[in-house]
Amino acid sequence: MAGNDAAFSELVTRRQSTIRNLLHRLSGNRALADDLAQQTFLQAWKNISTVRSAEAFGGWLRQIAVHTWLQEARKAKMATVPLEEAQLLPAEGVRSPAQKIDLDRTLAKLKDTERLCIVLSYNEGLSHGEIAEVTGWPLGTVKSHVSRGAEHMRELLAGYGG
């Protein structure tokens, strides 16, 4: 797989939508998500020889994307960013576009670390252990971020009628 332009191009084609959507959920900005996705695939190209197996590629690529976003978040101090029309949480139970927008805005108010863990847990369906593996953080730290993020969202949405 290493060094094969056509094979890597096919991997990008198959995975670009998933990576761009993840980065959009994290950043709340489509243009930034596109830039970060490009950086992610560039890093993947440079380090493709480190992939353990074809089955590990998806997780490995997600890990690169998360680290790329974390670097950008640290650099830009993206504590809160205005969100576009991002689908940050599953729409299950959300009855109207207004409710969805409220959820997106609430998620944007979380700290970067909480937002990352909430998105990976609830959007991507990762377990706490998988999030710890992707981020490189201790399991207890991940659990704390998910718990605090969920509690913070509950507080922010406490007065929500409906």
Protein backbone atom coordinates (compact mmCIF):
# COMPACT_ATOMS: atom_id res chain seq x y z
CA MET A 1 0.00 0.00 0.00
CA ALA A 2 2.86 2.41 0.80
CA GLY A 3 3.89 4.53 -2.14
CA ASN A 4 1.01 3.52 -4.39
CA ASP A 5 -0.62 6.74 -5.62
CA ALA A 6 -3.70 5.06 -7.08
CA ALA A 7 -4.38 3.02 -3.94
CA PHE A 8 -4.01 6.05 -1.69
CA SER A 9 -6.23 8.10 -3.98
CA GLU A 10 -8.90 5.42 -3.63
CA LEU A 11 -8.57 5.50 0.17
CA VAL A 12 -9.01 9.28 0.15
CA THR A 13 -12.07 8.98 -2.08
CA ARG A 14 -13.64 6.40 0.24
CA ARG A 15 -12.83 8.18 3.51
CA GLN A 16 -12.87 11.91 2.75
CA SER A 17 -16.56 12.43 3.50
CA THR A 18 -16.31 10.70 6.88
CA ILE A 19 -13.20 12.65 7.89
CA ARG A 20 -14.59 15.98 6.68
CA ASN A 21 -17.85 15.39 8.59
CA LEU A 22 -15.99 14.51 11.79
CA LEU A 23 -13.80 17.60 11.51
CA HIS A 24 -16.83 19.75 10.74
CA ARG A 25 -18.57 18.48 13.87
CA LEU A 26 -15.50 19.30 15.91
CA SER A 27 -14.70 22.70 14.43
CA GLY A 28 -18.14 23.94 13.42
CA ASN A 29 -16.63 25.48 10.31
CA ARG A 30 -16.84 23.85 6.88
CA ALA A 31 -13.85 25.68 5.39
CA LEU A 32 -11.67 24.86 8.38
CA ALA A 33 -12.87 21.25 8.30
CA ASP A 34 -11.82 21.01 4.65
CA ASP A 35 -8.38 22.43 5.46
CA LEU A 36 -7.97 20.06 8.41
CA ALA A 37 -9.09 17.10 6.28
CA GLN A 38 -6.43 18.00 3.72
CA GLN A 39 -3.82 18.14 6.50
CA THR A 40 -5.10 14.80 7.81
CA PHE A 41 -4.69 13.08 4.45
CA LEU A 42 -1.27 14.66 3.94
CA GLN A 43 -0.15 13.25 7.30
CA ALA A 44 -1.69 9.90 6.40
CA TRP A 45 0.23 9.85 3.11
CA LYS A 46 3.50 10.61 4.88
CA ASN A 47 2.92 7.92 7.52
CA ILE A 48 1.00 5.24 5.59
CA SER A 49 3.77 2.72 6.23
CA THR A 50 2.93 2.76 9.95
CA VAL A 51 -0.58 1.29 9.48
CA ARG A 52 -0.63 -2.15 11.10
CA SER A 53 -3.26 -3.65 8.81
CA ALA A 54 -5.94 -2.69 6.30
CA GLU A 55 -8.59 -3.19 9.01
CA ALA A 56 -6.84 -0.67 11.25
CA PHE A 57 -6.81 2.06 8.60
CA GLY A 58 -10.14 3.71 9.56
CA GLY A 59 -9.23 4.07 13.23
CA TRP A 60 -5.71 5.16 12.38
CA LEU A 61 -7.02 7.86 10.03
CA ARG A 62 -9.58 9.06 12.61
CA GLN A 63 -6.77 9.34 15.14
CA ILE A 64 -4.77 11.53 12.75
CA ALA A 65 -7.87 13.70 12.16
CA VAL A 66 -8.48 14.12 15.90
CA HIS A 67 -4.86 15.05 16.54
CA THR A 68 -4.91 17.48 13.61
CA TRP A 69 -8.00 19.16 15.07
CA LEU A 70 -6.52 19.25 18.59
CA GLN A 71 -3.39 20.97 17.24
CA GLU A 72 -5.54 23.55 15.46
CA ALA A 73 -7.73 24.05 18.52
CA ARG A 74 -4.69 24.68 20.71
CA LYS A 75 -3.18 27.01 18.15
CA ALA A 76 -6.36 28.97 17.50
CA LYS A 77 -7.78 28.81 21.05
CA MET A 78 -11.12 27.64 19.64
CA ALA A 79 -12.98 27.54 22.96
CA THR A 80 -16.24 28.41 21.26
CA VAL A 81 -16.87 28.89 17.59
CA PRO A 82 -20.01 29.85 15.74
CA LEU A 83 -21.54 26.80 14.15
CA GLU A 84 -22.97 26.64 10.68
CA GLU A 85 -25.53 23.97 9.85
CA ALA A 86 -23.43 21.15 11.28
CA GLN A 87 -25.11 17.94 12.32
CA LEU A 88 -23.39 17.54 15.64
CA LEU A 89 -25.75 15.18 17.38
CA PRO A 90 -28.01 12.48 16.06
CA ALA A 91 -31.41 13.87 15.14
CA GLU A 92 -33.23 11.15 17.06
CA GLY A 93 -35.80 12.78 19.29
CA VAL A 94 -35.23 16.18 17.71
CA ARG A 95 -38.55 17.27 16.26
CA SER A 96 -37.70 20.53 14.56
CA PRO A 97 -34.83 22.35 12.86
CA ALA A 98 -34.91 24.88 15.71
CA GLN A 99 -34.27 22.12 18.25
CA LYS A 100 -31.38 20.84 16.19
CA ILE A 101 -29.86 24.33 15.96
CA ASP A 102 -30.22 24.71 19.73
CA LEU A 103 -28.38 21.43 20.27
CA ASP A 104 -25.63 22.50 17.89
CA ARG A 105 -25.22 25.85 19.64
CA THR A 106 -25.15 24.15 23.02
CA LEU A 107 -22.47 21.76 21.88
CA ALA A 108 -20.43 24.71 20.61
CA LYS A 109 -20.40 26.16 24.14
CA LEU A 110 -18.52 23.18 25.54
CA LYS A 111 -14.78 23.22 26.09
CA ASP A 112 -12.81 21.73 23.21
CA THR A 113 -11.96 18.60 25.18
CA GLU A 114 -15.57 18.05 26.26
CA ARG A 115 -16.90 18.66 22.73
CA LEU A 116 -14.36 16.23 21.30
CA CYS A 117 -15.33 13.48 23.74
CA ILE A 118 -19.06 14.10 23.34
CA VAL A 119 -18.82 14.03 19.52
CA LEU A 120 -16.67 10.89 19.51
CA SER A 121 -18.97 9.18 22.00
CA TYR A 122 -22.41 10.15 20.77
CA ASN A 123 -21.81 10.89 17.07
CA GLU A 124 -19.09 8.43 16.24
CA GLY A 125 -20.32 5.78 18.68
CA LEU A 126 -16.91 5.18 20.26
CA SER A 127 -16.57 3.67 23.70
CA HIS A 128 -14.63 5.51 26.39
CA GLY A 129 -11.73 3.11 25.82
CA GLU A 130 -11.74 3.78 22.09
CA ILE A 131 -11.79 7.53 22.71
CA ALA A 132 -8.83 7.15 25.06
CA GLU A 133 -6.98 5.26 22.34
CA VAL A 134 -7.79 7.86 19.65
CA THR A 135 -6.88 10.86 21.80
CA GLY A 136 -4.02 9.33 23.75
CA TRP A 137 -5.64 10.49 26.99
CA PRO A 138 -6.05 8.34 30.11
CA LEU A 139 -9.40 6.53 30.35
CA GLY A 140 -10.35 8.47 33.50
CA THR A 141 -9.76 11.77 31.70
CA VAL A 142 -12.02 10.70 28.83
CA LYS A 143 -14.75 9.61 31.24
CA SER A 144 -14.51 12.96 33.04
CA HIS A 145 -14.76 14.93 29.79
CA VAL A 146 -17.79 12.94 28.64
CA SER A 147 -19.46 13.28 32.03
CA ARG A 148 -18.72 17.00 32.41
CA GLY A 149 -19.69 17.69 28.81
CA ALA A 150 -23.01 15.88 29.16
CA GLU A 151 -23.72 17.64 32.46
CA HIS A 152 -22.81 21.01 30.98
CA MET A 153 -25.18 20.36 28.07
CA ARG A 154 -27.96 19.35 30.50
CA GLU A 155 -27.45 22.61 32.41
CA LEU A 156 -27.49 24.70 29.26
CA LEU A 157 -30.63 22.97 28.00
CA ALA A 158 -32.38 22.85 31.40
CA GLY A 159 -34.76 25.70 30.58
CA TYR A 160 -35.47 24.39 27.12
CA GLY A 161 -39.19 24.06 26.60
CA GLY A 162 -40.12 21.00 24.60
